[in-house]
Amino acid sequence: MEILYDAGEYPSPVLRMIRETGDIGIAIANWWKLGWPERVAKLLAGRIYEAEFRHQFSQVQNILARTEDMAHFSPVQVVVMSGFRLEPPKL
């Protein structure tokens, strides 16, 4: 199971939502937090993190569903190879 980086930085409802999405969701949250901590802070401060996260999580799920033949790669590798950018929105 993935471990959420800097879990104490998230409000309880957001933390719960991330954990409910499982390893793929935690991987997305970690990718965001490690790559774009300023954007994550702005999304959290603006109380729009959850909506933006859910949107990206849905897109990643769709990519993974369409690329089942690439199951020998990690989900992040599949998403990146598909051309999707795993980054939070700019505010």
C-alpha atoms as a PDB file:
ATOM      1  CA  MET A   1       0.000   0.000   0.000  1.00  0.00           C
ATOM      2  CA  GLU A   2       1.180   3.494  -0.866  1.00  0.00           C
ATOM      3  CA  ILE A   3       2.017   5.855   1.970  1.00  0.00           C
ATOM      4  CA  LEU A   4       0.682   9.396   1.690  1.00  0.00           C
ATOM      5  CA  TYR A   5       3.475  11.942   1.881  1.00  0.00           C
ATOM      6  CA  ASP A   6       2.940  14.781   4.365  1.00  0.00           C
ATOM      7  CA  ALA A   7      -0.511  13.497   5.367  1.00  0.00           C
ATOM      8  CA  GLY A   8      -0.719  15.994   8.244  1.00  0.00           C
ATOM      9  CA  GLU A   9      -0.942  18.857   5.751  1.00  0.00           C
ATOM     10  CA  TYR A  10      -4.379  17.811   4.520  1.00  0.00           C
ATOM     11  CA  PRO A  11      -7.682  18.701   6.206  1.00  0.00           C
ATOM     12  CA  SER A  12      -9.489  15.610   7.500  1.00  0.00           C
ATOM     13  CA  PRO A  13     -12.156  15.437   4.749  1.00  0.00           C
ATOM     14  CA  VAL A  14      -9.517  15.733   2.006  1.00  0.00           C
ATOM     15  CA  LEU A  15      -7.275  13.190   3.699  1.00  0.00           C
ATOM     16  CA  ARG A  16     -10.166  10.745   3.967  1.00  0.00           C
ATOM     17  CA  MET A  17     -11.103  11.277   0.310  1.00  0.00           C
ATOM     18  CA  ILE A  18      -7.512  10.672  -0.856  1.00  0.00           C
ATOM     19  CA  ARG A  19      -7.231   7.492   1.190  1.00  0.00           C
ATOM     20  CA  GLU A  20     -10.550   6.222  -0.182  1.00  0.00           C
ATOM     21  CA  THR A  21      -9.134   6.379  -3.719  1.00  0.00           C
ATOM     22  CA  GLY A  22      -6.528   3.736  -2.852  1.00  0.00           C
ATOM     23  CA  ASP A  23      -2.997   3.403  -4.127  1.00  0.00           C
ATOM     24  CA  ILE A  24      -3.609   5.229  -7.404  1.00  0.00           C
ATOM     25  CA  GLY A  25      -5.150   8.217  -5.653  1.00  0.00           C
ATOM     26  CA  ILE A  26      -2.380   8.302  -3.077  1.00  0.00           C
ATOM     27  CA  ALA A  27       0.177   8.159  -5.892  1.00  0.00           C
ATOM     28  CA  ILE A  28      -1.499  11.161  -7.564  1.00  0.00           C
ATOM     29  CA  ALA A  29      -1.585  13.113  -4.288  1.00  0.00           C
ATOM     30  CA  ASN A  30       2.085  12.327  -3.669  1.00  0.00           C
ATOM     31  CA  TRP A  31       3.024  13.306  -7.216  1.00  0.00           C
ATOM     32  CA  TRP A  32       1.236  16.628  -6.778  1.00  0.00           C
ATOM     33  CA  LYS A  33       2.661  17.315  -3.325  1.00  0.00           C
ATOM     34  CA  LEU A  34       6.246  16.434  -4.228  1.00  0.00           C
ATOM     35  CA  GLY A  35       6.253  18.177  -7.612  1.00  0.00           C
ATOM     36  CA  TRP A  36       4.089  21.231  -7.029  1.00  0.00           C
ATOM     37  CA  PRO A  37       3.767  21.928  -3.293  1.00  0.00           C
ATOM     38  CA  GLU A  38       2.850  25.587  -3.884  1.00  0.00           C
ATOM     39  CA  ARG A  39      -0.064  24.650  -6.140  1.00  0.00           C
ATOM     40  CA  VAL A  40      -1.259  22.059  -3.623  1.00  0.00           C
ATOM     41  CA  ALA A  41      -1.166  24.693  -0.870  1.00  0.00           C
ATOM     42  CA  LYS A  42      -3.215  27.082  -3.036  1.00  0.00           C
ATOM     43  CA  LEU A  43      -5.758  24.393  -3.912  1.00  0.00           C
ATOM     44  CA  LEU A  44      -6.142  23.516  -0.237  1.00  0.00           C
ATOM     45  CA  ALA A  45      -6.368  27.173   0.829  1.00  0.00           C
ATOM     46  CA  GLY A  46      -8.980  27.814  -1.865  1.00  0.00           C
ATOM     47  CA  ARG A  47     -10.901  24.713  -0.801  1.00  0.00           C
ATOM     48  CA  ILE A  48     -10.898  23.370  -4.345  1.00  0.00           C
ATOM     49  CA  TYR A  49      -8.343  20.593  -3.918  1.00  0.00           C
ATOM     50  CA  GLU A  50     -10.972  17.892  -3.568  1.00  0.00           C
ATOM     51  CA  ALA A  51     -12.820  18.794  -6.775  1.00  0.00           C
ATOM     52  CA  GLU A  52      -9.623  19.100  -8.815  1.00  0.00           C
ATOM     53  CA  PHE A  53      -8.248  15.873  -7.378  1.00  0.00           C
ATOM     54  CA  ARG A  54     -11.441  13.960  -8.143  1.00  0.00           C
ATOM     55  CA  HIS A  55     -11.370  15.279 -11.709  1.00  0.00           C
ATOM     56  CA  GLN A  56      -7.796  14.127 -12.285  1.00  0.00           C
ATOM     57  CA  PHE A  57      -8.404  10.806 -10.519  1.00  0.00           C
ATOM     58  CA  SER A  58     -11.335  10.163 -12.866  1.00  0.00           C
ATOM     59  CA  GLN A  59      -9.183  10.936 -15.899  1.00  0.00           C
ATOM     60  CA  VAL A  60      -6.462   8.575 -14.677  1.00  0.00           C
ATOM     61  CA  GLN A  61      -9.005   5.813 -14.092  1.00  0.00           C
ATOM     62  CA  ASN A  62     -10.264   6.248 -17.665  1.00  0.00           C
ATOM     63  CA  ILE A  63      -6.718   6.039 -19.050  1.00  0.00           C
ATOM     64  CA  LEU A  64      -5.972   2.904 -17.047  1.00  0.00           C
ATOM     65  CA  ALA A  65      -9.227   1.285 -18.167  1.00  0.00           C
ATOM     66  CA  ARG A  66      -8.338   1.895 -21.824  1.00  0.00           C
ATOM     67  CA  THR A  67      -4.794   0.564 -21.446  1.00  0.00           C
ATOM     68  CA  GLU A  68      -5.343  -2.772 -19.728  1.00  0.00           C
ATOM     69  CA  ASP A  69      -2.866  -4.340 -22.171  1.00  0.00           C
ATOM     70  CA  MET A  70      -0.119  -2.285 -20.490  1.00  0.00           C
ATOM     71  CA  ALA A  71      -0.650  -3.843 -17.057  1.00  0.00           C
ATOM     72  CA  HIS A  72       3.024  -4.845 -16.873  1.00  0.00           C
ATOM     73  CA  PHE A  73       3.851  -1.148 -16.311  1.00  0.00           C
ATOM     74  CA  SER A  74       3.044   0.780 -13.135  1.00  0.00           C
ATOM     75  CA  PRO A  75      -0.099   2.943 -13.285  1.00  0.00           C
ATOM     76  CA  VAL A  76       2.001   6.128 -13.218  1.00  0.00           C
ATOM     77  CA  GLN A  77       4.129   4.866 -16.110  1.00  0.00           C
ATOM     78  CA  VAL A  78       1.018   4.044 -18.135  1.00  0.00           C
ATOM     79  CA  VAL A  79      -0.472   7.470 -17.506  1.00  0.00           C
ATOM     80  CA  VAL A  80       2.754   9.279 -18.422  1.00  0.00           C
ATOM     81  CA  MET A  81       3.240   7.140 -21.555  1.00  0.00           C
ATOM     82  CA  SER A  82      -0.313   8.015 -22.608  1.00  0.00           C
ATOM     83  CA  GLY A  83       0.717  11.678 -22.735  1.00  0.00           C
ATOM     84  CA  PHE A  84      -1.345  12.779 -19.736  1.00  0.00           C
ATOM     85  CA  ARG A  85       0.322  15.311 -17.460  1.00  0.00           C
ATOM     86  CA  LEU A  86       0.120  14.373 -13.801  1.00  0.00           C
ATOM     87  CA  GLU A  87       0.124  17.820 -12.312  1.00  0.00           C
ATOM     88  CA  PRO A  88      -2.347  19.912 -10.368  1.00  0.00           C
ATOM     89  CA  PRO A  89      -4.085  22.773 -12.150  1.00  0.00           C
ATOM     90  CA  LYS A  90      -2.505  26.215 -12.157  1.00  0.00           C
ATOM     91  CA  LEU A  91      -4.416  28.855 -10.273  1.00  0.00           C
END
